[in-house]
């Protein structure tokens, strides 16, 4: 394989296998903009992934799968909203409970289908598979190196980019978006001017969770729907998504950059040797790095980026009321 082909494959893989992080990050930003801290991203993505895959394969349609993953995950958001907004439960504990519940349900459903012998056969649906194939954007995909890397992906990759841009526009330029930002900053003030705090929180907690769920479906598609015993498809990406919210400074467009930064280092552990051989003078040193360090590198880089961004950020866009339950009686 030529050096250019190796580089192209590397960049393509960075995007394909890490874009699920963008869904998790954008979904969590939507949640936190409403003033809630949801630590249940991992479990929410797991439920969205397995629900979307099963329904999508049953109907043999990727778009039905996307809708199903959104709905299944948004039900997790509904549960989180009921517990934290209506019952005023602790948000941290509730989020962790959602993760435990989501992963438990994921394994229960997956192991149940495996035990029945239906799991491999039910995924052999041609229409669903065609919907997950690469869509080459005319002309743009012909650009050397970056054409194949950036403009030859499945609908789920492009949809993640579109959603992140639309959410950014929604928060910045629409009246409901400005209202939910006000709720995240000072719910008492928003309540005083007539904003329905409960309704807005419910809607946006479900919306954010639904977006996370689509990321879970992308993880399932990337792993071909294989269900391996104790290993979940999400594999820690939900926790990394929560960290990337801080890196992106609660900006959904900046979350795209955060996803690519993490994805770059995450993919190096697989393609480090190939890049070293393809560019020996420039990247030959990659072959000398222990594989154990390469596996830990994405998480080390994430921690470093979080520390640096916390120190250097003069303007922190973290919603002031995030993680705090709102008691209208105290207004």
C-alpha atoms as a PDB file:
ATOM      1  CA  UNK A   1       0.000   0.000   0.000  1.00  0.00           C
ATOM      2  CA  UNK A   2       1.388   3.409  -0.966  1.00  0.00           C
ATOM      3  CA  UNK A   3       2.135   6.106   1.609  1.00  0.00           C
ATOM      4  CA  UNK A   4      -0.743   8.241   0.324  1.00  0.00           C
ATOM      5  CA  UNK A   5      -3.148   5.294   0.564  1.00  0.00           C
ATOM      6  CA  UNK A   6      -2.052   4.644   4.159  1.00  0.00           C
ATOM      7  CA  UNK A   7      -2.619   8.296   5.098  1.00  0.00           C
ATOM      8  CA  UNK A   8      -6.014   8.344   3.388  1.00  0.00           C
ATOM      9  CA  UNK A   9      -7.114   5.162   5.165  1.00  0.00           C
ATOM     10  CA  UNK A  10      -5.896   6.549   8.488  1.00  0.00           C
ATOM     11  CA  UNK A  11      -7.872   9.797   8.141  1.00  0.00           C
ATOM     12  CA  UNK A  12     -10.938   7.899   6.914  1.00  0.00           C
ATOM     13  CA  UNK A  13     -10.786   5.620   9.959  1.00  0.00           C
ATOM     14  CA  UNK A  14     -10.386   8.562  12.351  1.00  0.00           C
ATOM     15  CA  UNK A  15     -13.745   9.894  11.195  1.00  0.00           C
ATOM     16  CA  UNK A  16     -15.638   6.634  10.690  1.00  0.00           C
ATOM     17  CA  UNK A  17     -14.915   4.990  14.024  1.00  0.00           C
ATOM     18  CA  UNK A  18     -14.942   8.053  16.273  1.00  0.00           C
ATOM     19  CA  UNK A  19     -17.836  10.158  15.022  1.00  0.00           C
ATOM     20  CA  UNK A  20     -20.117   8.468  17.559  1.00  0.00           C
ATOM     21  CA  UNK A  21     -18.356  10.684  20.107  1.00  0.00           C
ATOM     22  CA  UNK A  22     -19.851  13.726  18.387  1.00  0.00           C
ATOM     23  CA  UNK A  23     -23.383  12.435  18.931  1.00  0.00           C
ATOM     24  CA  UNK A  24     -22.677  11.796  22.610  1.00  0.00           C
ATOM     25  CA  UNK A  25     -21.034  15.193  23.072  1.00  0.00           C
ATOM     26  CA  UNK A  26     -23.747  17.174  21.269  1.00  0.00           C
ATOM     27  CA  UNK A  27     -26.470  15.305  23.160  1.00  0.00           C
ATOM     28  CA  UNK A  28     -24.801  16.079  26.491  1.00  0.00           C
ATOM     29  CA  UNK A  29     -24.365  19.752  25.527  1.00  0.00           C
ATOM     30  CA  UNK A  30     -28.107  19.982  24.824  1.00  0.00           C
ATOM     31  CA  UNK A  31     -28.760  18.402  28.222  1.00  0.00           C
ATOM     32  CA  UNK A  32     -26.387  20.695  30.097  1.00  0.00           C
ATOM     33  CA  UNK A  33     -27.667  23.808  28.327  1.00  0.00           C
ATOM     34  CA  UNK A  34     -31.005  23.043  29.989  1.00  0.00           C
ATOM     35  CA  UNK A  35     -29.294  23.089  33.376  1.00  0.00           C
ATOM     36  CA  UNK A  36     -29.051  19.329  33.876  1.00  0.00           C
ATOM     37  CA  UNK A  37     -25.968  17.132  34.202  1.00  0.00           C
ATOM     38  CA  UNK A  38     -26.651  13.677  32.788  1.00  0.00           C
ATOM     39  CA  UNK A  39     -23.931  11.117  33.536  1.00  0.00           C
ATOM     40  CA  UNK A  40     -25.997   8.432  31.839  1.00  0.00           C
ATOM     41  CA  UNK A  41     -24.564   8.959  28.345  1.00  0.00           C
ATOM     42  CA  UNK A  42     -22.985   5.489  28.223  1.00  0.00           C
ATOM     43  CA  UNK A  43     -26.202   3.675  29.075  1.00  0.00           C
ATOM     44  CA  UNK A  44     -28.319   5.941  26.876  1.00  0.00           C
ATOM     45  CA  UNK A  45     -26.087   5.275  23.858  1.00  0.00           C
ATOM     46  CA  UNK A  46     -26.230   1.533  24.563  1.00  0.00           C
ATOM     47  CA  UNK A  47     -30.036   1.489  24.562  1.00  0.00           C
ATOM     48  CA  UNK A  48     -30.183   3.675  21.449  1.00  0.00           C
ATOM     49  CA  UNK A  49     -27.680   1.412  19.731  1.00  0.00           C
ATOM     50  CA  UNK A  50     -29.345  -1.926  20.373  1.00  0.00           C
ATOM     51  CA  UNK A  51     -32.874  -0.555  19.946  1.00  0.00           C
ATOM     52  CA  UNK A  52     -32.069   1.168  16.666  1.00  0.00           C
ATOM     53  CA  UNK A  53     -30.219  -1.858  15.299  1.00  0.00           C
ATOM     54  CA  UNK A  54     -32.972  -4.345  16.095  1.00  0.00           C
ATOM     55  CA  UNK A  55     -35.812  -2.174  14.783  1.00  0.00           C
ATOM     56  CA  UNK A  56     -33.806  -1.030  11.753  1.00  0.00           C
ATOM     57  CA  UNK A  57     -33.011  -4.625  10.813  1.00  0.00           C
ATOM     58  CA  UNK A  58     -36.595  -5.740  11.473  1.00  0.00           C
ATOM     59  CA  UNK A  59     -37.895  -3.093   9.034  1.00  0.00           C
ATOM     60  CA  UNK A  60     -34.815  -3.443   6.803  1.00  0.00           C
ATOM     61  CA  UNK A  61     -34.370   0.333   6.704  1.00  0.00           C
ATOM     62  CA  UNK A  62     -31.585   2.522   8.125  1.00  0.00           C
ATOM     63  CA  UNK A  63     -33.866   5.548   8.545  1.00  0.00           C
ATOM     64  CA  UNK A  64     -36.323   3.537  10.638  1.00  0.00           C
ATOM     65  CA  UNK A  65     -33.314   2.404  12.670  1.00  0.00           C
ATOM     66  CA  UNK A  66     -32.193   6.002  13.208  1.00  0.00           C
ATOM     67  CA  UNK A  67     -35.693   7.002  14.330  1.00  0.00           C
ATOM     68  CA  UNK A  68     -35.917   3.977  16.633  1.00  0.00           C
ATOM     69  CA  UNK A  69     -32.543   4.702  18.224  1.00  0.00           C
ATOM     70  CA  UNK A  70     -33.630   8.306  18.817  1.00  0.00           C
ATOM     71  CA  UNK A  71     -36.936   7.249  20.395  1.00  0.00           C
ATOM     72  CA  UNK A  72     -35.428   4.499  22.575  1.00  0.00           C
ATOM     73  CA  UNK A  73     -32.734   6.829  23.884  1.00  0.00           C
ATOM     74  CA  UNK A  74     -35.166   9.727  24.360  1.00  0.00           C
ATOM     75  CA  UNK A  75     -37.151   7.466  26.711  1.00  0.00           C
ATOM     76  CA  UNK A  76     -34.026   7.356  28.872  1.00  0.00           C
ATOM     77  CA  UNK A  77     -34.102  11.150  28.792  1.00  0.00           C
ATOM     78  CA  UNK A  78     -37.776  11.064  29.784  1.00  0.00           C
ATOM     79  CA  UNK A  79     -36.936   8.857  32.763  1.00  0.00           C
ATOM     80  CA  UNK A  80     -34.063  11.148  33.749  1.00  0.00           C
ATOM     81  CA  UNK A  81     -36.355  14.193  33.447  1.00  0.00           C
ATOM     82  CA  UNK A  82     -39.091  12.619  35.553  1.00  0.00           C
ATOM     83  CA  UNK A  83     -36.666  11.694  38.321  1.00  0.00           C
ATOM     84  CA  UNK A  84     -34.677  14.940  38.396  1.00  0.00           C
ATOM     85  CA  UNK A  85     -37.142  17.607  37.239  1.00  0.00           C
ATOM     86  CA  UNK A  86     -40.392  16.311  38.732  1.00  0.00           C
ATOM     87  CA  UNK A  87     -39.104  14.343  41.723  1.00  0.00           C
ATOM     88  CA  UNK A  88     -35.956  16.454  42.239  1.00  0.00           C
ATOM     89  CA  UNK A  89     -33.690  13.408  42.551  1.00  0.00           C
ATOM     90  CA  UNK A  90     -29.928  13.898  42.674  1.00  0.00           C
ATOM     91  CA  UNK A  91     -28.743  14.351  39.085  1.00  0.00           C
ATOM     92  CA  UNK A  92     -25.369  12.626  39.517  1.00  0.00           C
ATOM     93  CA  UNK A  93     -26.872   9.526  41.094  1.00  0.00           C
ATOM     94  CA  UNK A  94     -29.700   9.438  38.548  1.00  0.00           C
ATOM     95  CA  UNK A  95     -27.286   9.672  35.632  1.00  0.00           C
ATOM     96  CA  UNK A  96     -25.155   6.830  36.971  1.00  0.00           C
ATOM     97  CA  UNK A  97     -28.331   4.804  37.478  1.00  0.00           C
ATOM     98  CA  UNK A  98     -29.306   5.410  33.841  1.00  0.00           C
ATOM     99  CA  UNK A  99     -25.904   4.096  32.761  1.00  0.00           C
ATOM    100  CA  UNK A 100     -26.251   0.976  34.916  1.00  0.00           C
ATOM    101  CA  UNK A 101     -29.820   0.427  33.719  1.00  0.00           C
ATOM    102  CA  UNK A 102     -28.947   1.030  30.062  1.00  0.00           C
ATOM    103  CA  UNK A 103     -25.980  -1.331  30.020  1.00  0.00           C
ATOM    104  CA  UNK A 104     -27.943  -3.955  31.920  1.00  0.00           C
ATOM    105  CA  UNK A 105     -30.822  -3.783  29.442  1.00  0.00           C
ATOM    106  CA  UNK A 106     -28.352  -3.903  26.546  1.00  0.00           C
ATOM    107  CA  UNK A 107     -26.789  -7.130  27.802  1.00  0.00           C
ATOM    108  CA  UNK A 108     -30.165  -8.616  28.713  1.00  0.00           C
ATOM    109  CA  UNK A 109     -31.552  -8.084  25.201  1.00  0.00           C
ATOM    110  CA  UNK A 110     -28.333  -9.080  23.422  1.00  0.00           C
ATOM    111  CA  UNK A 111     -27.765 -12.255  25.427  1.00  0.00           C
ATOM    112  CA  UNK A 112     -31.430 -13.148  25.073  1.00  0.00           C
ATOM    113  CA  UNK A 113     -31.275 -13.001  21.283  1.00  0.00           C
ATOM    114  CA  UNK A 114     -27.969 -14.865  21.245  1.00  0.00           C
ATOM    115  CA  UNK A 115     -29.391 -17.634  23.402  1.00  0.00           C
ATOM    116  CA  UNK A 116     -32.365 -18.007  21.045  1.00  0.00           C
ATOM    117  CA  UNK A 117     -30.015 -18.344  18.071  1.00  0.00           C
ATOM    118  CA  UNK A 118     -31.642 -15.424  16.258  1.00  0.00           C
ATOM    119  CA  UNK A 119     -28.890 -12.822  16.714  1.00  0.00           C
ATOM    120  CA  UNK A 120     -26.655 -13.475  13.661  1.00  0.00           C
ATOM    121  CA  UNK A 121     -29.458 -14.258  11.200  1.00  0.00           C
ATOM    122  CA  UNK A 122     -31.682 -11.306  12.041  1.00  0.00           C
ATOM    123  CA  UNK A 123     -28.915  -8.863  11.078  1.00  0.00           C
ATOM    124  CA  UNK A 124     -28.668 -10.167   7.492  1.00  0.00           C
ATOM    125  CA  UNK A 125     -30.908  -7.495   5.992  1.00  0.00           C
ATOM    126  CA  UNK A 126     -29.791  -6.088   2.664  1.00  0.00           C
ATOM    127  CA  UNK A 127     -31.759  -2.842   2.821  1.00  0.00           C
ATOM    128  CA  UNK A 128     -30.337  -1.897   6.213  1.00  0.00           C
ATOM    129  CA  UNK A 129     -26.800  -2.743   5.096  1.00  0.00           C
ATOM    130  CA  UNK A 130     -27.146  -0.655   1.936  1.00  0.00           C
ATOM    131  CA  UNK A 131     -28.239   2.277   4.079  1.00  0.00           C
ATOM    132  CA  UNK A 132     -24.997   2.098   6.046  1.00  0.00           C
ATOM    133  CA  UNK A 133     -22.713   2.047   3.006  1.00  0.00           C
ATOM    134  CA  UNK A 134     -20.518   4.993   2.049  1.00  0.00           C
ATOM    135  CA  UNK A 135     -22.113   7.858   0.144  1.00  0.00           C
ATOM    136  CA  UNK A 136     -19.520   9.515  -2.063  1.00  0.00           C
ATOM    137  CA  UNK A 137     -20.142  13.220  -2.555  1.00  0.00           C
ATOM    138  CA  UNK A 138     -19.581  13.997  -6.270  1.00  0.00           C
ATOM    139  CA  UNK A 139     -16.482  16.037  -7.150  1.00  0.00           C
ATOM    140  CA  UNK A 140     -15.469  16.516  -3.501  1.00  0.00           C
ATOM    141  CA  UNK A 141     -14.577  12.842  -3.088  1.00  0.00           C
ATOM    142  CA  UNK A 142     -12.114  13.179  -5.987  1.00  0.00           C
ATOM    143  CA  UNK A 143      -9.862  15.584  -4.067  1.00  0.00           C
ATOM    144  CA  UNK A 144      -6.537  13.827  -3.368  1.00  0.00           C
ATOM    145  CA  UNK A 145      -6.207  12.304   0.131  1.00  0.00           C
ATOM    146  CA  UNK A 146      -8.925  14.346   1.883  1.00  0.00           C
ATOM    147  CA  UNK A 147     -11.562  13.532  -0.744  1.00  0.00           C
ATOM    148  CA  UNK A 148     -11.743   9.860   0.190  1.00  0.00           C
ATOM    149  CA  UNK A 149     -11.145  10.608   3.862  1.00  0.00           C
ATOM    150  CA  UNK A 150     -13.819  13.287   4.325  1.00  0.00           C
ATOM    151  CA  UNK A 151     -16.439  12.823   1.624  1.00  0.00           C
ATOM    152  CA  UNK A 152     -16.957   9.052   1.359  1.00  0.00           C
ATOM    153  CA  UNK A 153     -18.865   8.145   4.515  1.00  0.00           C
ATOM    154  CA  UNK A 154     -22.250   6.749   5.497  1.00  0.00           C
ATOM    155  CA  UNK A 155     -25.358   8.817   6.126  1.00  0.00           C
ATOM    156  CA  UNK A 156     -24.787   8.496   9.893  1.00  0.00           C
ATOM    157  CA  UNK A 157     -21.478  10.374   9.666  1.00  0.00           C
ATOM    158  CA  UNK A 158     -22.923  13.257   7.656  1.00  0.00           C
ATOM    159  CA  UNK A 159     -25.987  13.362   9.910  1.00  0.00           C
ATOM    160  CA  UNK A 160     -23.759  13.883  12.975  1.00  0.00           C
ATOM    161  CA  UNK A 161     -22.138  16.941  11.389  1.00  0.00           C
ATOM    162  CA  UNK A 162     -25.509  18.341  10.310  1.00  0.00           C
ATOM    163  CA  UNK A 163     -27.021  17.875  13.775  1.00  0.00           C
ATOM    164  CA  UNK A 164     -24.083  19.591  15.508  1.00  0.00           C
ATOM    165  CA  UNK A 165     -24.363  22.640  13.214  1.00  0.00           C
ATOM    166  CA  UNK A 166     -28.159  22.796  13.516  1.00  0.00           C
ATOM    167  CA  UNK A 167     -28.005  22.599  17.326  1.00  0.00           C
ATOM    168  CA  UNK A 168     -25.422  25.411  17.366  1.00  0.00           C
ATOM    169  CA  UNK A 169     -27.722  27.553  15.191  1.00  0.00           C
ATOM    170  CA  UNK A 170     -30.746  26.627  17.325  1.00  0.00           C
ATOM    171  CA  UNK A 171     -29.135  27.788  20.562  1.00  0.00           C
ATOM    172  CA  UNK A 172     -27.725  30.959  19.060  1.00  0.00           C
ATOM    173  CA  UNK A 173     -30.476  32.277  16.821  1.00  0.00           C
ATOM    174  CA  UNK A 174     -33.886  30.872  17.824  1.00  0.00           C
ATOM    175  CA  UNK A 175     -36.235  31.999  20.590  1.00  0.00           C
ATOM    176  CA  UNK A 176     -36.622  28.501  22.145  1.00  0.00           C
ATOM    177  CA  UNK A 177     -32.842  28.125  22.044  1.00  0.00           C
ATOM    178  CA  UNK A 178     -32.332  31.421  23.861  1.00  0.00           C
ATOM    179  CA  UNK A 179     -34.955  30.417  26.414  1.00  0.00           C
ATOM    180  CA  UNK A 180     -33.288  27.095  27.201  1.00  0.00           C
ATOM    181  CA  UNK A 181     -29.952  28.883  27.559  1.00  0.00           C
ATOM    182  CA  UNK A 182     -31.624  31.249  30.022  1.00  0.00           C
ATOM    183  CA  UNK A 183     -32.945  28.262  31.976  1.00  0.00           C
ATOM    184  CA  UNK A 184     -29.450  26.811  32.127  1.00  0.00           C
ATOM    185  CA  UNK A 185     -28.046  30.075  33.443  1.00  0.00           C
ATOM    186  CA  UNK A 186     -30.789  31.235  35.818  1.00  0.00           C
ATOM    187  CA  UNK A 187     -34.032  29.212  35.876  1.00  0.00           C
ATOM    188  CA  UNK A 188     -35.648  31.526  38.452  1.00  0.00           C
ATOM    189  CA  UNK A 189     -35.275  34.539  36.163  1.00  0.00           C
ATOM    190  CA  UNK A 190     -36.580  32.571  33.170  1.00  0.00           C
ATOM    191  CA  UNK A 191     -39.525  31.396  35.263  1.00  0.00           C
ATOM    192  CA  UNK A 192     -40.251  34.976  36.331  1.00  0.00           C
ATOM    193  CA  UNK A 193     -40.756  36.066  32.708  1.00  0.00           C
ATOM    194  CA  UNK A 194     -43.158  33.212  31.980  1.00  0.00           C
ATOM    195  CA  UNK A 195     -40.931  30.438  30.574  1.00  0.00           C
ATOM    196  CA  UNK A 196     -42.318  26.969  31.314  1.00  0.00           C
ATOM    197  CA  UNK A 197     -39.239  25.495  32.993  1.00  0.00           C
ATOM    198  CA  UNK A 198     -40.580  21.962  33.347  1.00  0.00           C
ATOM    199  CA  UNK A 199     -41.729  21.696  29.718  1.00  0.00           C
ATOM    200  CA  UNK A 200     -38.478  23.056  28.294  1.00  0.00           C
ATOM    201  CA  UNK A 201     -36.373  20.780  30.478  1.00  0.00           C
ATOM    202  CA  UNK A 202     -38.375  17.680  29.535  1.00  0.00           C
ATOM    203  CA  UNK A 203     -38.171  18.436  25.813  1.00  0.00           C
ATOM    204  CA  UNK A 204     -34.457  19.143  25.774  1.00  0.00           C
ATOM    205  CA  UNK A 205     -33.502  16.258  28.046  1.00  0.00           C
ATOM    206  CA  UNK A 206     -35.323  13.923  25.665  1.00  0.00           C
ATOM    207  CA  UNK A 207     -33.832  15.663  22.623  1.00  0.00           C
ATOM    208  CA  UNK A 208     -30.283  15.434  23.983  1.00  0.00           C
ATOM    209  CA  UNK A 209     -30.716  11.775  24.928  1.00  0.00           C
ATOM    210  CA  UNK A 210     -32.170  10.983  21.507  1.00  0.00           C
ATOM    211  CA  UNK A 211     -29.097  12.441  19.807  1.00  0.00           C
ATOM    212  CA  UNK A 212     -26.883  10.288  22.047  1.00  0.00           C
ATOM    213  CA  UNK A 213     -28.869   7.239  20.952  1.00  0.00           C
ATOM    214  CA  UNK A 214     -28.067   7.778  17.282  1.00  0.00           C
ATOM    215  CA  UNK A 215     -24.394   7.703  18.261  1.00  0.00           C
ATOM    216  CA  UNK A 216     -25.030   4.309  19.835  1.00  0.00           C
ATOM    217  CA  UNK A 217     -26.490   3.090  16.541  1.00  0.00           C
ATOM    218  CA  UNK A 218     -23.370   4.281  14.714  1.00  0.00           C
ATOM    219  CA  UNK A 219     -21.229   2.273  17.149  1.00  0.00           C
ATOM    220  CA  UNK A 220     -23.378  -0.790  16.453  1.00  0.00           C
ATOM    221  CA  UNK A 221     -23.029  -0.321  12.689  1.00  0.00           C
ATOM    222  CA  UNK A 222     -19.251   0.126  12.957  1.00  0.00           C
ATOM    223  CA  UNK A 223     -19.003  -3.178  14.840  1.00  0.00           C
ATOM    224  CA  UNK A 224     -21.351  -4.906  12.355  1.00  0.00           C
ATOM    225  CA  UNK A 225     -23.850  -5.548  15.116  1.00  0.00           C
ATOM    226  CA  UNK A 226     -21.656  -8.223  16.699  1.00  0.00           C
ATOM    227  CA  UNK A 227     -22.503  -8.924  20.326  1.00  0.00           C
ATOM    228  CA  UNK A 228     -19.471 -10.094  22.292  1.00  0.00           C
ATOM    229  CA  UNK A 229     -20.359 -11.283  25.788  1.00  0.00           C
ATOM    230  CA  UNK A 230     -19.208  -8.751  28.360  1.00  0.00           C
ATOM    231  CA  UNK A 231     -17.990  -6.067  25.942  1.00  0.00           C
ATOM    232  CA  UNK A 232     -20.443  -3.280  25.139  1.00  0.00           C
ATOM    233  CA  UNK A 233     -20.451  -1.552  21.751  1.00  0.00           C
ATOM    234  CA  UNK A 234     -20.129   1.854  23.407  1.00  0.00           C
ATOM    235  CA  UNK A 235     -16.910   0.813  25.187  1.00  0.00           C
ATOM    236  CA  UNK A 236     -16.416   3.990  27.244  1.00  0.00           C
ATOM    237  CA  UNK A 237     -17.280   6.477  24.497  1.00  0.00           C
ATOM    238  CA  UNK A 238     -20.129   7.845  26.612  1.00  0.00           C
ATOM    239  CA  UNK A 239     -17.710   8.905  29.349  1.00  0.00           C
ATOM    240  CA  UNK A 240     -15.310  10.446  26.840  1.00  0.00           C
ATOM    241  CA  UNK A 241     -18.248  12.403  25.369  1.00  0.00           C
ATOM    242  CA  UNK A 242     -18.897  13.992  28.770  1.00  0.00           C
ATOM    243  CA  UNK A 243     -15.243  15.078  28.936  1.00  0.00           C
ATOM    244  CA  UNK A 244     -15.359  16.470  25.394  1.00  0.00           C
ATOM    245  CA  UNK A 245     -18.199  18.786  26.418  1.00  0.00           C
ATOM    246  CA  UNK A 246     -15.658  20.702  28.498  1.00  0.00           C
ATOM    247  CA  UNK A 247     -13.067  20.605  25.701  1.00  0.00           C
ATOM    248  CA  UNK A 248     -15.650  22.014  23.271  1.00  0.00           C
ATOM    249  CA  UNK A 249     -16.587  24.701  25.821  1.00  0.00           C
ATOM    250  CA  UNK A 250     -20.274  23.783  25.444  1.00  0.00           C
ATOM    251  CA  UNK A 251     -20.179  24.624  21.718  1.00  0.00           C
ATOM    252  CA  UNK A 252     -21.545  21.941  19.396  1.00  0.00           C
ATOM    253  CA  UNK A 253     -19.478  23.071  16.394  1.00  0.00           C
ATOM    254  CA  UNK A 254     -16.285  23.002  18.480  1.00  0.00           C
ATOM    255  CA  UNK A 255     -17.335  19.473  19.471  1.00  0.00           C
ATOM    256  CA  UNK A 256     -16.500  18.405  15.915  1.00  0.00           C
ATOM    257  CA  UNK A 257     -12.886  19.461  16.497  1.00  0.00           C
ATOM    258  CA  UNK A 258     -12.808  17.690  19.864  1.00  0.00           C
ATOM    259  CA  UNK A 259     -14.086  14.504  18.255  1.00  0.00           C
ATOM    260  CA  UNK A 260     -11.367  14.594  15.597  1.00  0.00           C
ATOM    261  CA  UNK A 261      -8.614  15.307  18.162  1.00  0.00           C
ATOM    262  CA  UNK A 262      -9.585  12.323  20.284  1.00  0.00           C
ATOM    263  CA  UNK A 263     -10.186  10.195  17.192  1.00  0.00           C
ATOM    264  CA  UNK A 264      -6.725  11.018  15.861  1.00  0.00           C
ATOM    265  CA  UNK A 265      -4.953   9.680  18.936  1.00  0.00           C
ATOM    266  CA  UNK A 266      -7.409   6.823  19.342  1.00  0.00           C
ATOM    267  CA  UNK A 267      -6.702   5.586  15.808  1.00  0.00           C
ATOM    268  CA  UNK A 268      -2.922   5.891  16.195  1.00  0.00           C
ATOM    269  CA  UNK A 269      -2.894   2.764  18.341  1.00  0.00           C
ATOM    270  CA  UNK A 270      -4.068   0.790  15.289  1.00  0.00           C
ATOM    271  CA  UNK A 271      -2.322   2.638  12.450  1.00  0.00           C
ATOM    272  CA  UNK A 272       0.842   3.775  14.240  1.00  0.00           C
ATOM    273  CA  UNK A 273       2.924   0.961  12.698  1.00  0.00           C
ATOM    274  CA  UNK A 274       1.555   1.535   9.198  1.00  0.00           C
ATOM    275  CA  UNK A 275       2.197   5.272   9.359  1.00  0.00           C
ATOM    276  CA  UNK A 276       5.709   4.599  10.676  1.00  0.00           C
ATOM    277  CA  UNK A 277       6.461   2.341   7.704  1.00  0.00           C
ATOM    278  CA  UNK A 278       4.837   4.664   5.178  1.00  0.00           C
ATOM    279  CA  UNK A 279       6.649   7.794   6.432  1.00  0.00           C
ATOM    280  CA  UNK A 280       9.842   6.487   8.093  1.00  0.00           C
ATOM    281  CA  UNK A 281      11.651   9.825   8.206  1.00  0.00           C
ATOM    282  CA  UNK A 282       8.737  11.786   9.603  1.00  0.00           C
ATOM    283  CA  UNK A 283       6.866   9.222  11.707  1.00  0.00           C
ATOM    284  CA  UNK A 284       9.378   6.449  12.213  1.00  0.00           C
ATOM    285  CA  UNK A 285       9.414   7.116  15.953  1.00  0.00           C
ATOM    286  CA  UNK A 286       5.853   5.793  16.257  1.00  0.00           C
ATOM    287  CA  UNK A 287       7.111   2.205  15.968  1.00  0.00           C
ATOM    288  CA  UNK A 288       9.210   2.673  19.112  1.00  0.00           C
ATOM    289  CA  UNK A 289       6.272   3.588  21.345  1.00  0.00           C
ATOM    290  CA  UNK A 290       5.036   0.659  23.514  1.00  0.00           C
ATOM    291  CA  UNK A 291       1.574  -0.565  22.456  1.00  0.00           C
ATOM    292  CA  UNK A 292       0.313  -0.236  26.034  1.00  0.00           C
ATOM    293  CA  UNK A 293       1.108   3.477  25.982  1.00  0.00           C
ATOM    294  CA  UNK A 294      -0.611   3.852  22.617  1.00  0.00           C
ATOM    295  CA  UNK A 295      -3.768   2.307  24.074  1.00  0.00           C
ATOM    296  CA  UNK A 296      -3.723   4.747  26.977  1.00  0.00           C
ATOM    297  CA  UNK A 297      -2.723   7.745  24.823  1.00  0.00           C
ATOM    298  CA  UNK A 298      -6.269   8.893  23.852  1.00  0.00           C
ATOM    299  CA  UNK A 299      -7.289   9.117  27.488  1.00  0.00           C
ATOM    300  CA  UNK A 300      -4.032  10.795  28.526  1.00  0.00           C
ATOM    301  CA  UNK A 301      -4.448  13.387  25.781  1.00  0.00           C
ATOM    302  CA  UNK A 302      -8.077  13.947  26.808  1.00  0.00           C
ATOM    303  CA  UNK A 303      -7.019  14.571  30.420  1.00  0.00           C
ATOM    304  CA  UNK A 304      -4.255  16.965  29.333  1.00  0.00           C
ATOM    305  CA  UNK A 305      -6.602  18.862  27.024  1.00  0.00           C
ATOM    306  CA  UNK A 306      -9.177  19.214  29.807  1.00  0.00           C
ATOM    307  CA  UNK A 307      -6.579  20.594  32.214  1.00  0.00           C
ATOM    308  CA  UNK A 308      -5.146  23.015  29.644  1.00  0.00           C
ATOM    309  CA  UNK A 309      -8.581  24.180  28.460  1.00  0.00           C
ATOM    310  CA  UNK A 310      -9.672  24.756  32.067  1.00  0.00           C
ATOM    311  CA  UNK A 311      -6.587  26.892  32.722  1.00  0.00           C
ATOM    312  CA  UNK A 312      -6.526  28.869  29.469  1.00  0.00           C
ATOM    313  CA  UNK A 313     -10.240  29.441  28.871  1.00  0.00           C
ATOM    314  CA  UNK A 314     -10.928  33.077  29.750  1.00  0.00           C
ATOM    315  CA  UNK A 315     -14.583  32.714  28.895  1.00  0.00           C
ATOM    316  CA  UNK A 316     -16.162  29.524  30.162  1.00  0.00           C
ATOM    317  CA  UNK A 317     -19.537  28.811  28.575  1.00  0.00           C
ATOM    318  CA  UNK A 318     -20.583  26.317  31.233  1.00  0.00           C
ATOM    319  CA  UNK A 319     -24.228  27.001  32.181  1.00  0.00           C
ATOM    320  CA  UNK A 320     -24.266  28.471  35.694  1.00  0.00           C
ATOM    321  CA  UNK A 321     -27.151  26.314  36.924  1.00  0.00           C
ATOM    322  CA  UNK A 322     -25.989  22.984  35.455  1.00  0.00           C
ATOM    323  CA  UNK A 323     -26.419  20.121  37.882  1.00  0.00           C
ATOM    324  CA  UNK A 324     -28.678  22.099  40.215  1.00  0.00           C
ATOM    325  CA  UNK A 325     -32.305  21.128  40.699  1.00  0.00           C
ATOM    326  CA  UNK A 326     -34.769  23.999  40.441  1.00  0.00           C
ATOM    327  CA  UNK A 327     -37.251  24.482  43.247  1.00  0.00           C
ATOM    328  CA  UNK A 328     -39.865  26.992  42.198  1.00  0.00           C
ATOM    329  CA  UNK A 329     -40.918  27.560  45.789  1.00  0.00           C
ATOM    330  CA  UNK A 330     -37.492  29.042  46.546  1.00  0.00           C
ATOM    331  CA  UNK A 331     -37.798  31.673  43.813  1.00  0.00           C
END
